[in-house]
């Protein structure tokens, strides 16, 4: 590739890369805590059998199960966009954020329950491995950025100040 075009391409793709990084950081931030919350709910007597049923699904049924949260939340997200269009931006954005949190929680728990079964699908295992490597590279890029280092410094300073204040 032409070095000039490579630079232009990098500059043009930087905003998209930044948006993807924000989305992935949001997912990373919420994945474990939200998954633990849904796992706690899954221990309730009425829900235990659901988790057992999900764990017993064959690979393609488990894969199809991942479409359900997206399909179930799509009408809600569309209604939120309609609300934004009608001038209710705060309501619409709040609904979108809540739907994203709920969707992430459910998908995180489903993935935890079905990971081993899904990895038996050779094509899924290859795609998941590639995705994981790509995501790790993107997160490394974010963590190496000046903005991340500055945010980390501010966060550390705030934590230290709060710690000193509590004493």
N, C-alpha and C. Protein backbone atom coordinates (compact mmCIF):
# COMPACT_ATOMS: atom_id res chain seq x y z
N UNK A 1 0.85 -1.17 0.00
CA UNK A 1 0.00 0.00 0.00
C UNK A 1 0.90 1.24 0.00
N UNK A 2 0.48 2.22 -0.71
CA UNK A 2 1.18 3.50 -0.79
C UNK A 2 1.26 4.13 0.61
N UNK A 3 2.47 4.55 1.04
CA UNK A 3 2.60 5.12 2.39
C UNK A 3 1.72 6.36 2.60
N UNK A 4 1.58 7.15 1.54
CA UNK A 4 0.73 8.34 1.65
C UNK A 4 -0.71 7.93 1.91
N UNK A 5 -1.21 6.95 1.14
CA UNK A 5 -2.59 6.49 1.32
C UNK A 5 -2.77 5.84 2.69
N UNK A 6 -1.76 5.15 3.16
CA UNK A 6 -1.85 4.50 4.47
C UNK A 6 -2.03 5.56 5.56
N UNK A 7 -1.35 6.69 5.45
CA UNK A 7 -1.51 7.76 6.43
C UNK A 7 -2.90 8.39 6.33
N UNK A 8 -3.35 8.66 5.12
CA UNK A 8 -4.68 9.24 4.92
C UNK A 8 -5.75 8.29 5.46
N UNK A 9 -5.60 7.02 5.15
CA UNK A 9 -6.55 6.00 5.62
C UNK A 9 -6.57 5.96 7.16
N UNK A 10 -5.41 6.01 7.79
CA UNK A 10 -5.33 5.99 9.25
C UNK A 10 -6.04 7.20 9.85
N UNK A 11 -5.86 8.37 9.24
CA UNK A 11 -6.51 9.58 9.74
C UNK A 11 -8.03 9.49 9.56
N UNK A 12 -8.46 8.98 8.42
CA UNK A 12 -9.89 8.86 8.16
C UNK A 12 -10.57 7.82 9.06
N UNK A 13 -9.85 6.75 9.38
CA UNK A 13 -10.43 5.69 10.19
C UNK A 13 -10.30 5.94 11.69
N UNK A 14 -9.50 6.91 12.09
CA UNK A 14 -9.28 7.17 13.52
C UNK A 14 -10.59 7.45 14.28
N UNK A 15 -11.50 8.29 13.76
CA UNK A 15 -12.75 8.51 14.51
C UNK A 15 -13.57 7.22 14.65
N UNK A 16 -13.62 6.41 13.61
CA UNK A 16 -14.35 5.14 13.69
C UNK A 16 -13.68 4.23 14.70
N UNK A 17 -12.37 4.18 14.68
CA UNK A 17 -11.63 3.35 15.64
C UNK A 17 -11.89 3.84 17.06
N UNK A 18 -11.95 5.14 17.25
CA UNK A 18 -12.25 5.69 18.58
C UNK A 18 -13.65 5.33 19.05
N UNK A 19 -14.64 5.42 18.15
CA UNK A 19 -16.01 5.04 18.52
C UNK A 19 -16.11 3.56 18.86
N UNK A 20 -15.45 2.73 18.05
CA UNK A 20 -15.46 1.30 18.35
C UNK A 20 -14.78 1.02 19.69
N UNK A 21 -13.71 1.74 19.96
CA UNK A 21 -13.00 1.57 21.23
C UNK A 21 -13.91 1.94 22.40
N UNK A 22 -14.66 3.03 22.26
CA UNK A 22 -15.59 3.42 23.33
C UNK A 22 -16.66 2.35 23.55
N UNK A 23 -17.19 1.82 22.47
CA UNK A 23 -18.20 0.77 22.58
C UNK A 23 -17.63 -0.46 23.26
N UNK A 24 -16.43 -0.86 22.86
CA UNK A 24 -15.80 -2.05 23.46
C UNK A 24 -15.44 -1.79 24.91
N UNK A 25 -14.96 -0.60 25.23
CA UNK A 25 -14.67 -0.28 26.62
C UNK A 25 -15.93 -0.35 27.47
N UNK A 26 -17.04 0.15 26.93
CA UNK A 26 -18.31 0.06 27.65
C UNK A 26 -18.69 -1.40 27.90
N UNK A 27 -18.55 -2.22 26.86
CA UNK A 27 -18.85 -3.64 26.99
C UNK A 27 -17.93 -4.29 28.03
N UNK A 28 -16.63 -3.97 27.96
CA UNK A 28 -15.67 -4.54 28.89
C UNK A 28 -15.97 -4.12 30.32
N UNK A 29 -16.33 -2.87 30.50
CA UNK A 29 -16.65 -2.35 31.83
C UNK A 29 -17.85 -3.07 32.42
N UNK A 30 -18.85 -3.31 31.60
CA UNK A 30 -20.08 -3.86 32.11
C UNK A 30 -20.21 -5.37 32.06
N UNK A 31 -19.40 -6.02 31.25
CA UNK A 31 -19.56 -7.45 31.00
C UNK A 31 -19.57 -8.27 32.29
N UNK A 32 -18.52 -8.21 33.07
CA UNK A 32 -18.41 -9.04 34.27
C UNK A 32 -19.42 -8.66 35.36
N UNK A 33 -19.51 -7.37 35.75
CA UNK A 33 -20.48 -7.04 36.80
C UNK A 33 -21.92 -7.37 36.41
N UNK A 34 -22.29 -7.10 35.16
CA UNK A 34 -23.65 -7.38 34.72
C UNK A 34 -23.90 -8.88 34.64
N UNK A 35 -22.89 -9.63 34.19
CA UNK A 35 -23.01 -11.08 34.12
C UNK A 35 -23.19 -11.66 35.51
N UNK A 36 -22.47 -11.12 36.50
CA UNK A 36 -22.61 -11.60 37.88
C UNK A 36 -24.02 -11.29 38.41
N UNK A 37 -24.54 -10.13 38.06
CA UNK A 37 -25.89 -9.76 38.49
C UNK A 37 -26.92 -10.75 37.94
N UNK A 38 -26.83 -11.05 36.65
CA UNK A 38 -27.77 -11.99 36.04
C UNK A 38 -27.55 -13.39 36.60
N UNK A 39 -26.30 -13.75 36.90
CA UNK A 39 -26.03 -15.05 37.51
C UNK A 39 -26.70 -15.15 38.88
N UNK A 40 -26.66 -14.05 39.64
CA UNK A 40 -27.31 -14.04 40.95
C UNK A 40 -28.83 -14.23 40.79
N UNK A 41 -29.39 -13.57 39.79
CA UNK A 41 -30.82 -13.75 39.52
C UNK A 41 -31.09 -15.18 39.08
N UNK A 42 -30.15 -15.74 38.31
CA UNK A 42 -30.29 -17.12 37.84
C UNK A 42 -30.28 -18.15 38.95
N UNK A 43 -29.80 -17.79 40.13
CA UNK A 43 -29.80 -18.71 41.27
C UNK A 43 -31.15 -18.73 41.99
N UNK A 44 -32.03 -17.82 41.66
CA UNK A 44 -33.35 -17.82 42.26
C UNK A 44 -34.07 -19.09 41.83
N UNK A 45 -34.88 -19.64 42.70
CA UNK A 45 -35.50 -20.94 42.41
C UNK A 45 -36.22 -21.02 41.05
N UNK A 46 -36.95 -20.01 40.69
CA UNK A 46 -37.69 -20.06 39.43
C UNK A 46 -36.82 -19.98 38.18
N UNK A 47 -35.58 -19.55 38.34
CA UNK A 47 -34.71 -19.35 37.18
C UNK A 47 -33.64 -20.43 37.02
N UNK A 48 -33.42 -21.22 38.05
CA UNK A 48 -32.35 -22.23 37.99
C UNK A 48 -32.53 -23.18 36.81
N UNK A 49 -33.75 -23.58 36.57
CA UNK A 49 -33.99 -24.55 35.50
C UNK A 49 -33.67 -23.94 34.13
N UNK A 50 -33.85 -22.60 34.00
CA UNK A 50 -33.55 -21.94 32.72
C UNK A 50 -32.06 -22.05 32.42
N UNK A 51 -31.22 -21.76 33.42
CA UNK A 51 -29.78 -21.86 33.21
C UNK A 51 -29.37 -23.29 32.87
N UNK A 52 -29.98 -24.27 33.54
CA UNK A 52 -29.68 -25.67 33.23
C UNK A 52 -30.08 -26.01 31.81
N UNK A 53 -31.22 -25.50 31.39
CA UNK A 53 -31.69 -25.74 30.03
C UNK A 53 -30.73 -25.11 29.02
N UNK A 54 -30.31 -23.87 29.27
CA UNK A 54 -29.39 -23.17 28.36
C UNK A 54 -28.07 -23.93 28.27
N UNK A 55 -27.54 -24.38 29.40
CA UNK A 55 -26.27 -25.13 29.40
C UNK A 55 -26.37 -26.42 28.57
N UNK A 56 -27.56 -26.98 28.48
CA UNK A 56 -27.74 -28.24 27.75
C UNK A 56 -28.05 -28.09 26.27
N UNK A 57 -28.10 -26.88 25.78
CA UNK A 57 -28.43 -26.67 24.36
C UNK A 57 -27.31 -27.16 23.46
N UNK A 58 -27.67 -27.67 22.28
CA UNK A 58 -26.64 -27.99 21.29
C UNK A 58 -26.07 -26.69 20.71
N UNK A 59 -24.91 -26.77 20.04
CA UNK A 59 -24.22 -25.55 19.60
C UNK A 59 -25.07 -24.57 18.78
N UNK A 60 -25.77 -25.03 17.77
CA UNK A 60 -26.50 -24.08 16.93
C UNK A 60 -27.73 -23.49 17.65
N UNK A 61 -28.32 -24.25 18.53
CA UNK A 61 -29.43 -23.70 19.33
C UNK A 61 -28.90 -22.62 20.28
N UNK A 62 -27.73 -22.87 20.87
CA UNK A 62 -27.10 -21.87 21.75
C UNK A 62 -26.78 -20.62 20.96
N UNK A 63 -26.29 -20.79 19.75
CA UNK A 63 -25.97 -19.65 18.90
C UNK A 63 -27.23 -18.85 18.56
N UNK A 64 -28.31 -19.56 18.26
CA UNK A 64 -29.57 -18.88 17.93
C UNK A 64 -30.10 -18.11 19.13
N UNK A 65 -29.83 -18.60 20.33
CA UNK A 65 -30.29 -17.94 21.53
C UNK A 65 -29.73 -16.52 21.66
N UNK A 66 -28.53 -16.29 21.10
CA UNK A 66 -27.93 -14.96 21.15
C UNK A 66 -28.72 -13.92 20.36
N UNK A 67 -29.50 -14.36 19.41
CA UNK A 67 -30.30 -13.41 18.62
C UNK A 67 -31.49 -12.87 19.42
N UNK A 68 -31.94 -13.62 20.41
CA UNK A 68 -33.14 -13.22 21.15
C UNK A 68 -33.02 -11.87 21.86
N UNK A 69 -31.93 -11.59 22.62
CA UNK A 69 -31.86 -10.28 23.26
C UNK A 69 -31.90 -9.13 22.25
N UNK A 70 -31.19 -9.29 21.15
CA UNK A 70 -31.18 -8.23 20.13
C UNK A 70 -32.57 -8.04 19.53
N UNK A 71 -33.23 -9.15 19.21
CA UNK A 71 -34.57 -9.06 18.63
C UNK A 71 -35.58 -8.52 19.63
N UNK A 72 -35.46 -8.92 20.88
CA UNK A 72 -36.41 -8.46 21.90
C UNK A 72 -36.25 -6.97 22.20
N UNK A 73 -35.03 -6.49 22.16
CA UNK A 73 -34.78 -5.08 22.50
C UNK A 73 -34.89 -4.14 21.30
N UNK A 74 -34.93 -4.67 20.09
CA UNK A 74 -35.01 -3.82 18.90
C UNK A 74 -36.24 -2.90 18.91
N UNK A 75 -37.45 -3.40 19.19
CA UNK A 75 -38.60 -2.48 19.22
C UNK A 75 -38.45 -1.39 20.29
N UNK A 76 -37.85 -1.74 21.41
CA UNK A 76 -37.65 -0.76 22.48
C UNK A 76 -36.67 0.32 22.02
N UNK A 77 -35.59 -0.10 21.37
CA UNK A 77 -34.61 0.88 20.88
C UNK A 77 -35.21 1.75 19.78
N UNK A 78 -36.03 1.16 18.92
CA UNK A 78 -36.69 1.96 17.87
C UNK A 78 -37.66 2.97 18.49
N UNK A 79 -38.37 2.56 19.53
CA UNK A 79 -39.26 3.49 20.23
C UNK A 79 -38.46 4.61 20.88
N UNK A 80 -37.28 4.29 21.39
CA UNK A 80 -36.41 5.32 21.99
C UNK A 80 -35.96 6.31 20.92
N UNK A 81 -35.60 5.81 19.74
CA UNK A 81 -35.21 6.72 18.65
C UNK A 81 -36.39 7.59 18.24
N UNK A 82 -37.58 7.02 18.22
CA UNK A 82 -38.78 7.80 17.90
C UNK A 82 -38.97 8.90 18.95
N UNK A 83 -38.78 8.56 20.23
CA UNK A 83 -38.92 9.55 21.31
C UNK A 83 -37.90 10.68 21.12
N UNK A 84 -36.70 10.33 20.74
CA UNK A 84 -35.68 11.36 20.49
C UNK A 84 -36.13 12.26 19.35
N UNK A 85 -36.64 11.66 18.30
CA UNK A 85 -37.13 12.41 17.13
C UNK A 85 -38.28 13.33 17.51
N UNK A 86 -39.07 12.93 18.51
CA UNK A 86 -40.21 13.74 18.96
C UNK A 86 -39.81 14.83 19.95
N UNK A 87 -38.51 14.93 20.23
CA UNK A 87 -38.03 15.98 21.12
C UNK A 87 -37.81 15.53 22.55
N UNK A 88 -37.89 14.24 22.80
CA UNK A 88 -37.68 13.71 24.15
C UNK A 88 -36.31 13.02 24.20
N UNK A 89 -35.27 13.82 24.02
CA UNK A 89 -33.92 13.27 23.91
C UNK A 89 -33.47 12.56 25.18
N UNK A 90 -33.74 13.14 26.33
CA UNK A 90 -33.29 12.53 27.58
C UNK A 90 -33.98 11.18 27.78
N UNK A 91 -35.27 11.14 27.56
CA UNK A 91 -36.01 9.89 27.69
C UNK A 91 -35.47 8.84 26.71
N UNK A 92 -35.33 9.24 25.47
CA UNK A 92 -34.84 8.30 24.45
C UNK A 92 -33.45 7.78 24.76
N UNK A 93 -32.54 8.66 25.15
CA UNK A 93 -31.18 8.23 25.47
C UNK A 93 -31.16 7.35 26.71
N UNK A 94 -31.99 7.68 27.69
CA UNK A 94 -32.08 6.85 28.90
C UNK A 94 -32.55 5.44 28.55
N UNK A 95 -33.57 5.34 27.72
CA UNK A 95 -34.08 4.03 27.31
C UNK A 95 -33.01 3.25 26.55
N UNK A 96 -32.28 3.93 25.66
CA UNK A 96 -31.23 3.25 24.91
C UNK A 96 -30.14 2.74 25.84
N UNK A 97 -29.72 3.54 26.80
CA UNK A 97 -28.68 3.12 27.75
C UNK A 97 -29.17 1.93 28.58
N UNK A 98 -30.40 2.00 29.07
CA UNK A 98 -30.94 0.90 29.87
C UNK A 98 -31.04 -0.37 29.01
N UNK A 99 -31.51 -0.22 27.78
CA UNK A 99 -31.61 -1.38 26.89
C UNK A 99 -30.22 -1.97 26.61
N UNK A 100 -29.23 -1.12 26.45
CA UNK A 100 -27.86 -1.59 26.23
C UNK A 100 -27.36 -2.36 27.45
N UNK A 101 -27.61 -1.83 28.64
CA UNK A 101 -27.19 -2.51 29.87
C UNK A 101 -27.89 -3.87 30.02
N UNK A 102 -29.19 -3.90 29.79
CA UNK A 102 -29.94 -5.15 29.91
C UNK A 102 -29.45 -6.16 28.86
N UNK A 103 -29.29 -5.69 27.63
CA UNK A 103 -28.82 -6.57 26.56
C UNK A 103 -27.43 -7.12 26.86
N UNK A 104 -26.53 -6.26 27.32
CA UNK A 104 -25.18 -6.70 27.66
C UNK A 104 -25.22 -7.72 28.79
N UNK A 105 -26.03 -7.48 29.80
CA UNK A 105 -26.13 -8.41 30.93
C UNK A 105 -26.61 -9.78 30.47
N UNK A 106 -27.64 -9.80 29.65
CA UNK A 106 -28.20 -11.08 29.20
C UNK A 106 -27.22 -11.81 28.28
N UNK A 107 -26.64 -11.09 27.32
CA UNK A 107 -25.69 -11.72 26.40
C UNK A 107 -24.45 -12.22 27.15
N UNK A 108 -23.98 -11.45 28.11
CA UNK A 108 -22.81 -11.88 28.90
C UNK A 108 -23.11 -13.19 29.62
N UNK A 109 -24.28 -13.28 30.23
CA UNK A 109 -24.62 -14.51 30.95
C UNK A 109 -24.82 -15.67 29.98
N UNK A 110 -25.50 -15.42 28.86
CA UNK A 110 -25.68 -16.47 27.87
C UNK A 110 -24.35 -16.98 27.35
N UNK A 111 -23.42 -16.06 27.11
CA UNK A 111 -22.11 -16.48 26.60
C UNK A 111 -21.37 -17.31 27.65
N UNK A 112 -21.45 -16.89 28.90
CA UNK A 112 -20.81 -17.66 29.97
C UNK A 112 -21.38 -19.07 30.03
N UNK A 113 -22.68 -19.20 29.89
CA UNK A 113 -23.33 -20.50 29.97
C UNK A 113 -23.06 -21.39 28.76
N UNK A 114 -22.82 -20.77 27.59
CA UNK A 114 -22.72 -21.55 26.35
C UNK A 114 -21.33 -21.54 25.72
N UNK A 115 -20.37 -20.89 26.34
CA UNK A 115 -19.04 -20.74 25.75
C UNK A 115 -18.44 -22.07 25.29
N UNK A 116 -18.43 -23.06 26.18
CA UNK A 116 -17.81 -24.34 25.84
C UNK A 116 -18.50 -25.03 24.66
N UNK A 117 -19.82 -24.95 24.63
CA UNK A 117 -20.58 -25.56 23.54
C UNK A 117 -20.30 -24.82 22.23
N UNK A 118 -20.29 -23.49 22.29
CA UNK A 118 -20.06 -22.71 21.07
C UNK A 118 -18.66 -22.94 20.51
N UNK A 119 -17.69 -23.14 21.39
CA UNK A 119 -16.32 -23.34 20.92
C UNK A 119 -16.15 -24.69 20.22
N UNK A 120 -17.16 -25.55 20.28
CA UNK A 120 -17.12 -26.81 19.53
C UNK A 120 -17.43 -26.60 18.06
N UNK A 121 -17.96 -25.42 17.72
CA UNK A 121 -18.18 -25.08 16.31
C UNK A 121 -16.86 -24.54 15.77
N UNK A 122 -16.20 -25.24 14.85
CA UNK A 122 -14.86 -24.80 14.40
C UNK A 122 -14.84 -23.36 13.88
N UNK A 123 -15.81 -22.99 13.07
CA UNK A 123 -15.83 -21.64 12.50
C UNK A 123 -16.04 -20.60 13.60
N UNK A 124 -16.84 -20.92 14.62
CA UNK A 124 -17.05 -19.98 15.73
C UNK A 124 -15.76 -19.81 16.51
N UNK A 125 -15.07 -20.92 16.78
CA UNK A 125 -13.81 -20.86 17.53
C UNK A 125 -12.79 -19.99 16.80
N UNK A 126 -12.72 -20.11 15.47
CA UNK A 126 -11.79 -19.30 14.68
C UNK A 126 -12.18 -17.83 14.76
N UNK A 127 -13.47 -17.53 14.54
CA UNK A 127 -13.92 -16.13 14.59
C UNK A 127 -13.75 -15.53 15.98
N UNK A 128 -14.04 -16.30 17.00
CA UNK A 128 -13.90 -15.80 18.37
C UNK A 128 -12.42 -15.51 18.69
N UNK A 129 -11.54 -16.39 18.25
CA UNK A 129 -10.10 -16.17 18.47
C UNK A 129 -9.64 -14.92 17.75
N UNK A 130 -10.07 -14.73 16.51
CA UNK A 130 -9.70 -13.52 15.75
C UNK A 130 -10.27 -12.27 16.41
N UNK A 131 -11.55 -12.34 16.81
CA UNK A 131 -12.20 -11.21 17.48
C UNK A 131 -11.44 -10.84 18.75
N UNK A 132 -11.09 -11.85 19.54
CA UNK A 132 -10.39 -11.60 20.80
C UNK A 132 -9.04 -10.93 20.55
N UNK A 133 -8.33 -11.38 19.54
CA UNK A 133 -7.03 -10.78 19.21
C UNK A 133 -7.22 -9.33 18.73
N UNK A 134 -8.21 -9.10 17.88
CA UNK A 134 -8.46 -7.75 17.37
C UNK A 134 -8.85 -6.82 18.51
N UNK A 135 -9.73 -7.31 19.39
CA UNK A 135 -10.18 -6.51 20.52
C UNK A 135 -9.01 -6.19 21.45
N UNK A 136 -8.14 -7.15 21.70
CA UNK A 136 -6.98 -6.92 22.56
C UNK A 136 -6.07 -5.84 21.95
N UNK A 137 -5.90 -5.87 20.63
CA UNK A 137 -5.10 -4.84 19.96
C UNK A 137 -5.73 -3.47 20.07
N UNK A 138 -7.04 -3.41 19.90
CA UNK A 138 -7.75 -2.12 20.02
C UNK A 138 -7.65 -1.58 21.43
N UNK A 139 -7.82 -2.44 22.43
CA UNK A 139 -7.71 -1.99 23.81
C UNK A 139 -6.28 -1.57 24.15
N UNK A 140 -5.29 -2.25 23.57
CA UNK A 140 -3.89 -1.84 23.78
C UNK A 140 -3.67 -0.45 23.18
N UNK A 141 -4.27 -0.19 22.02
CA UNK A 141 -4.17 1.13 21.39
C UNK A 141 -4.78 2.19 22.30
N UNK A 142 -5.95 1.88 22.87
CA UNK A 142 -6.62 2.82 23.77
C UNK A 142 -5.75 3.07 25.00
N UNK A 143 -5.26 2.00 25.61
CA UNK A 143 -4.46 2.14 26.83
C UNK A 143 -3.15 2.87 26.60
N UNK A 144 -2.65 2.87 25.37
CA UNK A 144 -1.41 3.58 25.06
C UNK A 144 -1.66 5.05 24.70
N UNK A 145 -2.92 5.43 24.56
CA UNK A 145 -3.23 6.79 24.12
C UNK A 145 -3.01 7.80 25.25
N UNK A 146 -2.73 9.02 24.86
CA UNK A 146 -2.53 10.09 25.83
C UNK A 146 -3.83 10.36 26.61
N UNK A 147 -4.96 10.26 25.95
CA UNK A 147 -6.24 10.51 26.62
C UNK A 147 -6.47 9.48 27.72
N UNK A 148 -6.16 8.22 27.46
CA UNK A 148 -6.34 7.17 28.47
C UNK A 148 -5.41 7.41 29.66
N UNK A 149 -4.15 7.72 29.35
CA UNK A 149 -3.18 7.96 30.43
C UNK A 149 -3.61 9.16 31.28
N UNK A 150 -4.13 10.20 30.63
CA UNK A 150 -4.60 11.37 31.38
C UNK A 150 -5.80 11.01 32.24
N UNK A 151 -6.73 10.25 31.69
CA UNK A 151 -7.91 9.84 32.45
C UNK A 151 -7.50 8.97 33.63
N UNK A 152 -6.53 8.10 33.43
CA UNK A 152 -6.04 7.25 34.52
C UNK A 152 -5.39 8.09 35.61
N UNK A 153 -4.63 9.12 35.21
CA UNK A 153 -3.98 10.00 36.19
C UNK A 153 -5.02 10.76 37.01
N UNK A 154 -6.05 11.27 36.34
CA UNK A 154 -7.11 11.99 37.04
C UNK A 154 -7.85 11.04 37.98
N UNK A 155 -8.17 9.86 37.50
CA UNK A 155 -8.86 8.87 38.32
C UNK A 155 -8.04 8.51 39.55
N UNK A 156 -6.75 8.32 39.37
CA UNK A 156 -5.87 7.99 40.49
C UNK A 156 -5.81 9.14 41.49
N UNK A 157 -5.72 10.36 40.99
CA UNK A 157 -5.66 11.53 41.88
C UNK A 157 -6.96 11.67 42.67
N UNK A 158 -8.09 11.42 42.04
CA UNK A 158 -9.38 11.51 42.73
C UNK A 158 -9.47 10.43 43.80
N UNK A 159 -9.07 9.20 43.46
CA UNK A 159 -9.10 8.12 44.45
C UNK A 159 -8.21 8.44 45.64
N UNK A 160 -7.01 8.97 45.39
CA UNK A 160 -6.10 9.32 46.48
C UNK A 160 -6.69 10.44 47.34
N UNK A 161 -7.28 11.44 46.70
CA UNK A 161 -7.89 12.54 47.45
C UNK A 161 -9.05 12.04 48.30
N UNK A 162 -9.87 11.15 47.76
CA UNK A 162 -10.98 10.58 48.53
C UNK A 162 -10.45 9.75 49.69
N UNK A 163 -9.39 9.02 49.47
CA UNK A 163 -8.80 8.22 50.53
C UNK A 163 -8.27 9.11 51.66
N UNK A 164 -7.59 10.18 51.29
CA UNK A 164 -7.07 11.12 52.30
C UNK A 164 -8.21 11.81 53.04
N UNK A 165 -9.27 12.16 52.33
CA UNK A 165 -10.41 12.82 52.93
C UNK A 165 -11.11 11.93 53.94
N UNK A 166 -11.23 10.62 53.63
CA UNK A 166 -11.87 9.67 54.54
C UNK A 166 -11.09 9.52 55.84
N UNK A 167 -9.76 9.66 55.77
CA UNK A 167 -8.94 9.53 56.99
C UNK A 167 -9.03 10.80 57.72
